[in-house]
Amino acid sequence: MTTTQPSAAPREPAAMSVRGAAVWAMAGQYLSFAIQFASSVVISRFFLTPGEVGLFSIALAAALLVAILQDFGLARYISGLPVIDKHEISRCSSVALLFSLVVAGVIALLAWPVAAAYDLPSLVPLLTIIAGSYLFLPLAVVPMALLAREMRFDGHFAINVGSAGVQAGVAISLAALGYSTFALAWATVAAGLTRGLIAQLLRPAPPWPLRFDRLRTVLNFGTRTSALYLTGALGTRTPDLIIGKLLTLTAVGLYSRAASLSDQFRTLVSGAIGSVFFPAFARIRDRGEDMGQPYLRVCAGYSAVIWPGMAGLALAAEPIVRLLYGELWMGVAPLLTMISLTEILLISLPLVSDLPILLGRMNRLLAYNMIDTAMSLTLLALGAWWGGVEGAAASRLVYAVLWLLLYARFIHGLVRFSLTGLFSIYLRSAIATIAAITPLALTYALWTTPDRIGFPTLCAATFAGGLCWLGSLVLLRHPALAEMLSIAETLPMVRPLGRMLKAVAPEQRA
């Protein structure tokens, strides 16, 4: 069963190219990351302890399990439609309002049971405040989906950066005033309101007047998508809950900070281009074109950029944690190493949810997700029980290997990409990754140890690694280089470097 509705009318033209959209998406993600990262460093170093961060992590994880219903699959539904009119937009906006009320209500109702389960009374007001942030979701869900559909990612830039700035400002201000964990909770409310207001200014789609006629198609898609999200959320959003139940608040704080830092760094390295791919592949599908080659280009871009970045983060975990957060948080370092290596495996097969949805294979995807979730939860619980918080982090590596084996054949059957081409990309990306981390590894081996390396030395080794990585991409004729050079041409600050590399490797022209 497909996710689209047949229509003779063509999809509206894109407001910008895929590369242009990627530039805006990456710029927005870079700035958002910088704001969020800086605020997390300030809050962790000066105001909150691992235990306080752990308390908020448990509350947020519990809320996010419910919040998988927050957009009811509307973002993908709207992006996947060949055509959309004002009536369909009104229906989607009404559905968004309905489910935001459901999500906020369920989170508020769960506050007391969750607090009782963990014997932490503070979870009641924390979850109640977080529930309030979801009341503003209807203002942002449909406008952002429409902007993505139209490839207007400059709008996403404004929404993401604006909400990140407000969230950071509120969190730091309230933490400085002594609000402890509640500073983070109120910051989520402020961010939700900001996202909604900016989104409505850029692409008005208010959830009123309500319209609930002819909802069968959107409800059918949303129900199946929400079931898919639920199985995925159980695997990705429950680690803090499981660790909090089996271990301590401090363990939750350390694990949460490691996972968050790894996720933020991966997002910094890859940008927000993932949000560009769904509408871009929807257009490829609508034109009836083969997806194999475009998918290999995505794999090349991700592995060429994210593999070296995550490997470098794993190798530099100890000095990074010490320099950013201080000795109080040094327990994060070994966890960060293992979780960063996990990301390398998980990014090797991108778009495992997006492509099956686009190609009408949601039921099969749901079955795979159920197996995926069972693996994730079982391994995490066993790891935490056997080896504490470090065992929990180590379990992610085992899970990532099994995850890759689980989805590889499924995605290949859908897209029919060349296996030879994929393994060639993997080989070249692996060599580029080794080149990137070699200067730091040699620094450890010949000069200083991770516990004694200073900031200037770390920066110098990182810069040298970047040059080695870039040189290896040119020498290996990595397919990702052409896309990177094309994107560089749109950025004045790096345009001269792009032209120089094209002169050295003219065959890499896009």
Protein backbone atom coordinates (compact mmCIF):
# COMPACT_ATOMS: atom_id res chain seq x y z
CA MET A 1 0.00 0.00 0.00
CA THR A 2 1.45 3.35 -0.99
CA THR A 3 1.50 6.47 1.11
CA THR A 4 0.42 8.84 -1.60
CA GLN A 5 -2.80 9.76 -3.28
CA PRO A 6 -2.96 9.54 -7.06
CA SER A 7 -3.36 12.76 -8.90
CA ALA A 8 -2.92 14.03 -12.38
CA ALA A 9 -1.63 17.37 -11.17
CA PRO A 10 2.15 17.75 -10.87
CA ARG A 11 3.94 18.48 -7.63
CA GLU A 12 4.65 22.19 -7.19
CA PRO A 13 8.18 23.26 -8.22
CA ALA A 14 10.86 23.25 -5.54
CA ALA A 15 11.82 26.62 -4.12
CA MET A 16 15.49 25.64 -4.18
CA SER A 17 17.76 22.81 -5.31
CA VAL A 18 18.64 19.88 -3.08
CA ARG A 19 22.13 21.34 -2.61
CA GLY A 20 20.72 24.77 -1.78
CA ALA A 21 18.30 23.20 0.70
CA ALA A 22 21.17 21.22 2.22
CA VAL A 23 23.21 24.40 2.70
CA TRP A 24 20.36 26.12 4.56
CA ALA A 25 19.62 23.01 6.59
CA MET A 26 23.27 22.58 7.57
CA ALA A 27 23.67 26.26 8.42
CA GLY A 28 20.63 26.12 10.69
CA GLN A 29 21.83 22.93 12.33
CA TYR A 30 25.35 24.28 12.85
CA LEU A 31 24.08 27.42 14.57
CA SER A 32 21.53 25.49 16.61
CA PHE A 33 24.21 23.03 17.63
CA ALA A 34 26.60 25.80 18.63
CA ILE A 35 23.91 27.43 20.78
CA GLN A 36 22.77 24.18 22.43
CA PHE A 37 26.30 22.91 22.92
CA ALA A 38 27.50 26.14 24.50
CA SER A 39 24.52 26.23 26.86
CA SER A 40 25.05 22.58 27.90
CA VAL A 41 28.70 23.31 28.69
CA VAL A 42 27.84 26.39 30.75
CA ILE A 43 25.04 24.64 32.64
CA SER A 44 27.06 21.47 33.32
CA ARG A 45 30.25 23.27 34.36
CA PHE A 46 28.75 26.01 36.51
CA PHE A 47 25.23 25.17 37.62
CA LEU A 48 24.01 21.55 37.50
CA THR A 49 25.48 18.25 38.72
CA PRO A 50 25.29 14.88 36.91
CA GLY A 51 22.48 13.89 39.28
CA GLU A 52 20.41 16.95 38.42
CA VAL A 53 20.91 16.38 34.70
CA GLY A 54 20.03 12.72 35.25
CA LEU A 55 16.72 13.67 36.89
CA PHE A 56 15.73 15.80 33.92
CA SER A 57 16.87 13.07 31.51
CA ILE A 58 14.49 10.58 33.12
CA ALA A 59 11.60 13.06 32.90
CA LEU A 60 12.37 13.93 29.29
CA ALA A 61 12.78 10.28 28.28
CA ALA A 62 9.38 9.44 29.80
CA ALA A 63 7.77 12.38 27.98
CA LEU A 64 9.39 11.51 24.66
CA LEU A 65 7.94 8.01 24.76
CA VAL A 66 4.50 9.60 24.59
CA ALA A 67 5.61 12.41 22.28
CA ILE A 68 6.12 10.02 19.38
CA LEU A 69 2.49 10.90 18.65
CA GLN A 70 3.31 14.60 18.51
CA ASP A 71 2.99 15.07 14.75
CA PHE A 72 1.09 11.84 14.02
CA GLY A 73 3.23 11.31 10.93
CA LEU A 74 1.99 14.55 9.40
CA ALA A 75 5.44 15.75 8.32
CA ARG A 76 6.02 12.69 6.13
CA TYR A 77 2.39 12.56 5.02
CA ILE A 78 2.48 16.15 3.74
CA SER A 79 5.91 15.75 2.10
CA GLY A 80 4.86 12.52 0.40
CA LEU A 81 1.64 13.81 -1.20
CA PRO A 82 1.96 14.53 -4.93
CA VAL A 83 -0.38 17.54 -4.51
CA ILE A 84 -1.92 19.28 -1.52
CA ASP A 85 -4.64 21.91 -1.26
CA LYS A 86 -5.92 24.25 1.44
CA HIS A 87 -8.56 21.76 2.57
CA GLU A 88 -5.96 19.05 3.18
CA ILE A 89 -3.77 21.56 5.02
CA SER A 90 -6.72 22.47 7.25
CA ARG A 91 -7.40 18.80 8.02
CA CYS A 92 -3.75 18.18 8.88
CA SER A 93 -3.65 21.25 11.14
CA SER A 94 -6.77 20.06 12.98
CA VAL A 95 -5.27 16.61 13.47
CA ALA A 96 -2.07 18.22 14.78
CA LEU A 97 -4.08 20.16 17.38
CA LEU A 98 -5.99 17.06 18.46
CA PHE A 99 -2.90 14.96 19.00
CA SER A 100 -0.98 17.71 20.75
CA LEU A 101 -3.76 17.79 23.34
CA VAL A 102 -3.59 14.00 23.62
CA VAL A 103 0.19 14.03 24.07
CA ALA A 104 0.15 16.82 26.68
CA GLY A 105 -2.68 15.15 28.59
CA VAL A 106 -1.07 11.70 28.65
CA ILE A 107 2.28 13.08 29.80
CA ALA A 108 0.59 15.01 32.62
CA LEU A 109 -1.40 11.91 33.66
CA LEU A 110 1.76 9.77 33.70
CA ALA A 111 3.64 12.19 35.96
CA TRP A 112 2.57 10.63 39.25
CA PRO A 113 2.95 6.95 38.22
CA VAL A 114 6.43 7.61 36.81
CA ALA A 115 7.46 9.50 39.96
CA ALA A 116 6.18 6.64 42.11
CA ALA A 117 8.00 4.02 40.00
CA TYR A 118 11.33 5.80 40.49
CA ASP A 119 10.55 7.09 43.99
CA LEU A 120 11.38 10.62 42.78
CA PRO A 121 8.58 13.09 43.71
CA SER A 122 10.26 15.87 41.71
CA LEU A 123 9.29 14.08 38.51
CA VAL A 124 5.66 15.14 38.96
CA PRO A 125 6.16 18.90 38.46
CA LEU A 126 8.92 18.29 35.91
CA LEU A 127 6.71 16.14 33.69
CA THR A 128 3.80 18.55 34.10
CA ILE A 129 5.92 21.46 32.86
CA ILE A 130 7.29 19.42 29.96
CA ALA A 131 3.73 18.43 29.05
CA GLY A 132 2.90 22.10 28.63
CA SER A 133 5.54 22.49 25.92
CA TYR A 134 3.59 20.13 23.63
CA LEU A 135 0.56 22.40 23.61
CA PHE A 136 2.41 24.63 21.13
CA LEU A 137 3.22 21.83 18.67
CA PRO A 138 0.22 22.44 16.35
CA LEU A 139 1.62 25.86 15.55
CA ALA A 140 4.83 24.37 14.13
CA VAL A 141 4.13 20.87 12.77
CA VAL A 142 2.19 21.67 9.59
CA PRO A 143 4.05 24.90 8.67
CA MET A 144 7.42 23.13 8.92
CA ALA A 145 6.12 20.18 6.88
CA LEU A 146 4.89 22.57 4.19
CA LEU A 147 8.22 24.40 4.15
CA ALA A 148 10.07 21.09 3.75
CA ARG A 149 7.70 19.99 0.99
CA GLU A 150 8.41 23.22 -0.88
CA MET A 151 12.17 22.83 -0.19
CA ARG A 152 12.15 26.15 1.67
CA PHE A 153 14.78 25.23 4.23
CA ASP A 154 15.66 28.85 4.87
CA GLY A 155 12.44 28.82 6.91
CA HIS A 156 13.66 25.81 8.89
CA PHE A 157 16.86 27.76 9.53
CA ALA A 158 14.94 30.61 11.17
CA ILE A 159 12.72 28.28 13.22
CA ASN A 160 15.51 26.05 14.52
CA VAL A 161 17.98 28.81 15.32
CA GLY A 162 15.36 31.03 16.92
CA SER A 163 13.99 28.30 19.17
CA ALA A 164 17.50 27.10 20.11
CA GLY A 165 18.50 30.63 21.12
CA VAL A 166 15.45 31.11 23.32
CA GLN A 167 15.83 27.67 24.90
CA ALA A 168 19.49 28.29 25.75
CA GLY A 169 18.80 31.75 27.14
CA VAL A 170 15.97 30.57 29.38
CA ALA A 171 17.88 27.49 30.58
CA ILE A 172 21.04 29.39 31.53
CA SER A 173 19.15 32.28 33.12
CA LEU A 174 16.95 30.07 35.29
CA ALA A 175 19.85 27.76 36.20
CA ALA A 176 21.84 30.81 37.34
CA LEU A 177 18.88 31.88 39.45
CA GLY A 178 18.87 28.54 41.25
CA TYR A 179 15.98 26.74 39.51
CA SER A 180 18.10 23.57 39.26
CA THR A 181 16.55 20.88 37.02
CA PHE A 182 13.43 22.99 36.50
CA ALA A 183 15.47 25.45 34.43
CA LEU A 184 15.76 22.80 31.71
CA ALA A 185 12.03 22.00 31.89
CA TRP A 186 10.89 25.61 31.52
CA ALA A 187 13.36 26.05 28.66
CA THR A 188 11.53 23.34 26.70
CA VAL A 189 8.29 25.31 27.08
CA ALA A 190 9.94 28.50 25.85
CA ALA A 191 11.45 26.67 22.87
CA GLY A 192 8.10 25.13 21.90
CA LEU A 193 6.34 28.49 21.96
CA THR A 194 9.11 30.13 19.93
CA ARG A 195 9.06 27.41 17.26
CA GLY A 196 5.32 27.77 16.86
CA LEU A 197 5.31 31.55 16.58
CA ILE A 198 8.15 31.70 14.03
CA ALA A 199 6.66 28.87 11.98
CA GLN A 200 3.27 30.60 11.77
CA LEU A 201 4.90 33.85 10.73
CA LEU A 202 6.80 32.16 7.89
CA ARG A 203 4.13 29.74 6.62
CA PRO A 204 0.73 30.39 8.24
CA ALA A 205 -1.33 27.23 8.78
CA PRO A 206 -3.30 27.78 11.98
CA PRO A 207 -5.18 24.79 13.48
CA TRP A 208 -8.49 26.63 13.25
CA PRO A 209 -11.22 26.51 12.21
CA LEU A 210 -11.27 22.80 12.94
CA ARG A 211 -11.92 20.45 10.05
CA PHE A 212 -12.46 16.73 10.60
CA ASP A 213 -14.12 15.60 7.36
CA ARG A 214 -12.53 12.99 5.05
CA LEU A 215 -9.81 12.10 7.54
CA ARG A 216 -9.57 8.41 6.68
CA THR A 217 -6.40 8.67 4.60
CA VAL A 218 -4.44 10.87 7.00
CA LEU A 219 -5.60 8.87 10.05
CA ASN A 220 -4.67 5.58 8.39
CA PHE A 221 -1.22 6.87 7.50
CA GLY A 222 -0.78 8.50 10.92
CA THR A 223 -1.83 5.40 12.83
CA ARG A 224 0.66 3.18 11.03
CA THR A 225 3.39 5.80 11.25
CA SER A 226 2.79 6.30 14.98
CA ALA A 227 3.01 2.55 15.55
CA LEU A 228 6.31 2.64 13.68
CA TYR A 229 7.55 5.57 15.74
CA LEU A 230 6.48 3.86 18.97
CA THR A 231 8.54 0.75 18.31
CA GLY A 232 11.50 2.92 17.36
CA ALA A 233 11.08 5.16 20.39
CA LEU A 234 11.11 2.20 22.76
CA GLY A 235 14.59 1.39 21.51
CA THR A 236 16.04 4.88 21.25
CA ARG A 237 14.33 6.78 24.09
CA THR A 238 14.28 4.29 26.93
CA PRO A 239 18.02 3.99 27.79
CA ASP A 240 17.74 6.76 30.40
CA LEU A 241 14.67 5.09 31.92
CA ILE A 242 16.30 1.67 32.07
CA ILE A 243 19.59 2.98 33.45
CA GLY A 244 17.71 5.14 35.96
CA LYS A 245 15.81 2.10 37.20
CA LEU A 246 18.77 -0.29 37.35
CA LEU A 247 21.52 2.15 38.37
CA THR A 248 21.66 5.70 39.83
CA LEU A 249 20.77 9.26 38.87
CA THR A 250 24.47 10.01 38.46
CA ALA A 251 24.80 7.09 36.04
CA VAL A 252 21.85 8.44 34.06
CA GLY A 253 23.42 11.90 33.97
CA LEU A 254 26.74 10.56 32.71
CA TYR A 255 25.17 8.31 30.07
CA SER A 256 22.76 11.03 28.96
CA ARG A 257 25.56 13.56 28.57
CA ALA A 258 27.68 11.10 26.54
CA ALA A 259 24.77 10.18 24.27
CA SER A 260 23.78 13.81 23.87
CA LEU A 261 27.32 14.94 23.05
CA SER A 262 27.73 12.17 20.49
CA ASP A 263 24.37 12.95 18.91
CA GLN A 264 25.07 16.68 18.83
CA PHE A 265 28.49 16.13 17.29
CA ARG A 266 27.07 13.78 14.64
CA THR A 267 24.48 16.41 13.81
CA LEU A 268 27.18 19.06 13.60
CA VAL A 269 29.24 16.94 11.23
CA SER A 270 26.37 15.86 8.98
CA GLY A 271 24.23 18.96 9.29
CA ALA A 272 20.47 18.69 8.94
CA ILE A 273 20.61 17.26 5.45
CA GLY A 274 18.57 14.28 6.59
CA SER A 275 15.49 16.50 6.61
CA VAL A 276 16.18 17.38 2.95
CA PHE A 277 16.31 13.79 1.74
CA PHE A 278 12.70 12.76 2.37
CA PRO A 279 11.12 15.41 0.12
CA ALA A 280 13.99 15.02 -2.36
CA PHE A 281 13.48 11.25 -2.68
CA ALA A 282 9.71 11.82 -2.86
CA ARG A 283 10.32 13.85 -6.02
CA ILE A 284 12.55 11.09 -7.44
CA ARG A 285 9.79 8.57 -6.72
CA ASP A 286 7.15 10.77 -8.34
CA ARG A 287 9.26 11.00 -11.50
CA GLY A 288 9.62 7.21 -11.59
CA GLU A 289 13.41 7.38 -11.53
CA ASP A 290 15.79 4.78 -10.12
CA MET A 291 16.78 5.40 -6.50
CA GLY A 292 19.89 3.22 -6.39
CA GLN A 293 22.44 5.77 -7.54
CA PRO A 294 21.04 8.67 -5.46
CA TYR A 295 21.08 6.37 -2.43
CA LEU A 296 24.74 5.53 -2.98
CA ARG A 297 25.51 9.26 -3.10
CA VAL A 298 23.80 9.64 0.28
CA CYS A 299 25.84 6.73 1.69
CA ALA A 300 29.01 8.28 0.30
CA GLY A 301 28.29 11.67 1.84
CA TYR A 302 27.41 10.28 5.24
CA SER A 303 30.29 7.83 5.53
CA ALA A 304 32.91 10.24 4.17
CA VAL A 305 32.01 12.92 6.68
CA ILE A 306 30.48 11.24 9.73
CA TRP A 307 32.84 8.26 10.04
CA PRO A 308 35.97 10.43 10.48
CA GLY A 309 34.13 12.82 12.77
CA MET A 310 32.82 10.14 15.11
CA ALA A 311 36.13 8.25 15.10
CA GLY A 312 37.90 11.47 16.04
CA LEU A 313 35.41 12.13 18.82
CA ALA A 314 35.94 8.61 20.17
CA LEU A 315 39.71 9.05 20.18
CA ALA A 316 39.58 12.53 21.74
CA ALA A 317 36.80 11.76 24.24
CA GLU A 318 38.94 12.11 27.39
CA PRO A 319 40.53 15.50 26.65
CA ILE A 320 37.25 16.86 25.23
CA VAL A 321 35.26 15.97 28.35
CA ARG A 322 37.97 17.34 30.64
CA LEU A 323 38.27 20.61 28.74
CA LEU A 324 34.53 21.17 28.37
CA TYR A 325 32.93 19.85 31.54
CA GLY A 326 35.69 19.43 34.12
CA GLU A 327 36.79 16.58 36.36
CA LEU A 328 33.30 16.09 37.83
CA TRP A 329 32.13 14.71 34.49
CA MET A 330 35.11 12.51 33.55
CA GLY A 331 32.95 9.41 33.77
CA VAL A 332 31.44 10.54 30.47
CA ALA A 333 34.68 9.91 28.52
CA PRO A 334 34.67 6.08 28.20
CA LEU A 335 30.94 6.12 27.49
CA LEU A 336 31.44 8.74 24.80
CA THR A 337 34.08 6.62 23.10
CA MET A 338 31.80 3.59 22.83
CA ILE A 339 28.70 5.54 21.80
CA SER A 340 30.64 7.46 19.13
CA LEU A 341 31.88 4.22 17.59
CA THR A 342 28.28 2.99 17.62
CA GLU A 343 27.25 5.99 15.50
CA ILE A 344 29.70 4.92 12.77
CA LEU A 345 27.79 1.68 12.30
CA LEU A 346 24.33 3.21 12.60
CA ILE A 347 25.05 5.83 9.97
CA SER A 348 26.37 3.28 7.47
CA LEU A 349 22.84 2.52 6.26
CA PRO A 350 20.93 5.83 6.12
CA LEU A 351 17.21 6.43 5.53
CA VAL A 352 16.09 3.04 6.85
CA SER A 353 12.73 4.50 7.87
CA ASP A 354 12.24 7.14 5.17
CA LEU A 355 12.61 4.95 2.10
CA PRO A 356 10.23 2.16 3.19
CA ILE A 357 7.59 4.78 4.02
CA LEU A 358 8.00 6.46 0.64
CA LEU A 359 7.81 3.14 -1.18
CA GLY A 360 4.76 1.86 0.70
CA ARG A 361 6.51 -0.80 2.79
CA MET A 362 5.49 0.51 6.19
CA ASN A 363 4.08 -2.81 7.46
CA ARG A 364 7.34 -4.63 6.76
CA LEU A 365 9.27 -1.76 8.30
CA LEU A 366 7.13 -2.06 11.44
CA ALA A 367 8.00 -5.75 11.74
CA TYR A 368 11.72 -4.97 11.41
CA ASN A 369 11.39 -2.20 13.99
CA MET A 370 9.83 -4.58 16.50
CA ILE A 371 12.81 -6.91 16.17
CA ASP A 372 15.15 -3.91 16.35
CA THR A 373 13.51 -2.66 19.55
CA ALA A 374 13.61 -6.05 21.24
CA MET A 375 17.34 -6.31 20.50
CA SER A 376 18.05 -2.83 21.76
CA LEU A 377 16.18 -3.12 25.07
CA THR A 378 17.43 -6.62 25.85
CA LEU A 379 21.08 -5.76 25.19
CA LEU A 380 20.86 -2.49 27.13
CA ALA A 381 19.29 -4.12 30.20
CA LEU A 382 21.84 -6.96 30.14
CA GLY A 383 24.71 -4.52 29.69
CA ALA A 384 23.58 -2.28 32.57
CA TRP A 385 22.94 -5.26 34.85
CA TRP A 386 26.26 -6.90 34.06
CA GLY A 387 28.62 -3.95 33.68
CA GLY A 388 26.92 -0.86 35.09
CA VAL A 389 26.84 2.30 33.00
CA GLU A 390 29.91 1.27 31.00
CA GLY A 391 28.25 -2.06 30.24
CA ALA A 392 25.19 -0.18 29.02
CA ALA A 393 27.36 1.87 26.65
CA ALA A 394 29.21 -1.24 25.44
CA SER A 395 25.88 -2.91 24.65
CA ARG A 396 25.25 -0.20 22.04
CA LEU A 397 28.19 -1.47 20.00
CA VAL A 398 26.80 -5.00 19.94
CA TYR A 399 23.37 -3.63 19.08
CA ALA A 400 24.73 -1.55 16.20
CA VAL A 401 26.34 -4.60 14.55
CA LEU A 402 23.08 -6.56 14.80
CA TRP A 403 21.09 -3.54 13.57
CA LEU A 404 23.24 -3.28 10.45
CA LEU A 405 22.81 -6.97 9.70
CA LEU A 406 19.05 -6.72 10.26
CA TYR A 407 18.33 -3.84 7.87
CA ALA A 408 20.94 -4.33 5.13
CA ARG A 409 19.04 -6.89 3.06
CA PHE A 410 15.71 -5.09 3.55
CA ILE A 411 16.98 -1.74 2.25
CA HIS A 412 18.88 -3.36 -0.61
CA GLY A 413 15.70 -5.12 -1.70
CA LEU A 414 13.86 -1.80 -1.79
CA VAL A 415 16.43 0.41 -3.51
CA ARG A 416 18.48 -2.14 -5.48
CA PHE A 417 21.73 -0.22 -5.15
CA SER A 418 24.97 -1.73 -6.36
CA LEU A 419 26.67 -3.78 -3.64
CA THR A 420 30.01 -3.36 -5.37
CA GLY A 421 29.50 0.40 -5.43
CA LEU A 422 28.54 0.43 -1.74
CA PHE A 423 31.56 -1.59 -0.62
CA SER A 424 33.82 0.62 -2.73
CA ILE A 425 32.41 3.66 -0.93
CA TYR A 426 32.86 1.97 2.47
CA LEU A 427 36.50 1.12 1.68
CA ARG A 428 37.39 4.64 0.61
CA SER A 429 35.54 6.15 3.59
CA ALA A 430 37.38 3.79 5.96
CA ILE A 431 40.76 4.83 4.53
CA ALA A 432 39.79 8.51 4.83
CA THR A 433 38.73 7.88 8.44
CA ILE A 434 42.09 6.32 9.30
CA ALA A 435 43.87 9.26 7.64
CA ALA A 436 41.81 11.72 9.68
CA ILE A 437 42.62 10.23 13.10
CA THR A 438 46.27 9.38 12.40
CA PRO A 439 47.74 12.73 13.58
CA LEU A 440 45.97 12.52 16.95
CA ALA A 441 46.91 8.85 17.37
CA LEU A 442 50.55 9.68 16.64
CA THR A 443 50.37 12.58 19.11
CA TYR A 444 49.28 10.15 21.83
CA ALA A 445 51.93 7.60 20.87
CA LEU A 446 54.92 9.93 20.46
CA TRP A 447 54.28 13.11 22.42
CA THR A 448 51.65 13.22 25.16
CA THR A 449 48.86 11.12 26.66
CA PRO A 450 45.08 11.78 26.53
CA ASP A 451 45.02 12.85 30.19
CA ARG A 452 47.76 15.46 29.65
CA ILE A 453 47.14 16.83 26.18
CA GLY A 454 46.44 20.55 26.10
CA PHE A 455 43.91 22.47 24.07
CA PRO A 456 46.43 23.93 21.55
CA THR A 457 47.93 20.50 20.89
CA LEU A 458 44.50 18.94 20.49
CA CYS A 459 43.50 21.66 18.03
CA ALA A 460 46.72 21.24 16.05
CA ALA A 461 46.26 17.47 15.80
CA THR A 462 42.63 17.95 14.76
CA PHE A 463 43.59 20.48 12.08
CA ALA A 464 46.27 18.14 10.75
CA GLY A 465 43.72 15.33 10.73
CA GLY A 466 41.36 17.50 8.70
CA LEU A 467 44.04 18.14 6.09
CA CYS A 468 44.89 14.43 5.91
CA TRP A 469 41.20 13.61 5.51
CA LEU A 470 40.69 16.15 2.74
CA GLY A 471 43.82 14.99 0.93
CA SER A 472 42.70 11.37 1.14
CA LEU A 473 39.31 12.22 -0.40
CA VAL A 474 41.11 13.78 -3.37
CA LEU A 475 43.60 10.93 -3.79
CA LEU A 476 40.89 8.27 -3.45
CA ARG A 477 38.55 10.12 -5.80
CA HIS A 478 35.84 9.69 -3.21
CA PRO A 479 32.37 10.22 -4.75
CA ALA A 480 31.36 12.46 -1.86
CA LEU A 481 33.96 15.03 -2.86
CA ALA A 482 31.99 16.17 -5.90
CA GLU A 483 28.93 16.93 -3.77
CA MET A 484 31.05 18.70 -1.17
CA LEU A 485 32.70 20.86 -3.82
CA SER A 486 29.32 21.76 -5.33
CA ILE A 487 28.04 22.82 -1.91
CA ALA A 488 31.26 24.76 -1.29
CA GLU A 489 30.59 26.83 -4.42
CA THR A 490 27.50 28.27 -2.73
CA LEU A 491 29.45 29.35 0.37
CA PRO A 492 31.62 32.47 -0.13
CA MET A 493 33.85 31.67 2.85
CA VAL A 494 35.04 28.33 1.45
CA ARG A 495 34.62 28.97 -2.28
CA PRO A 496 38.37 29.55 -2.87
CA LEU A 497 39.20 26.20 -1.23
CA GLY A 498 36.62 24.46 -3.42
CA ARG A 499 38.11 25.99 -6.58
CA MET A 500 41.60 24.96 -5.53
CA LEU A 501 40.50 21.36 -4.95
CA LYS A 502 38.72 21.28 -8.31
CA ALA A 503 41.94 22.42 -9.96
CA VAL A 504 43.80 19.58 -8.26
CA ALA A 505 41.09 17.00 -8.98
CA PRO A 506 39.09 18.17 -12.01
CA GLU A 507 37.49 14.73 -12.43
CA GLN A 508 35.57 15.37 -9.22
CA ARG A 509 33.31 17.95 -10.78
CA ALA A 510 29.64 17.27 -10.06
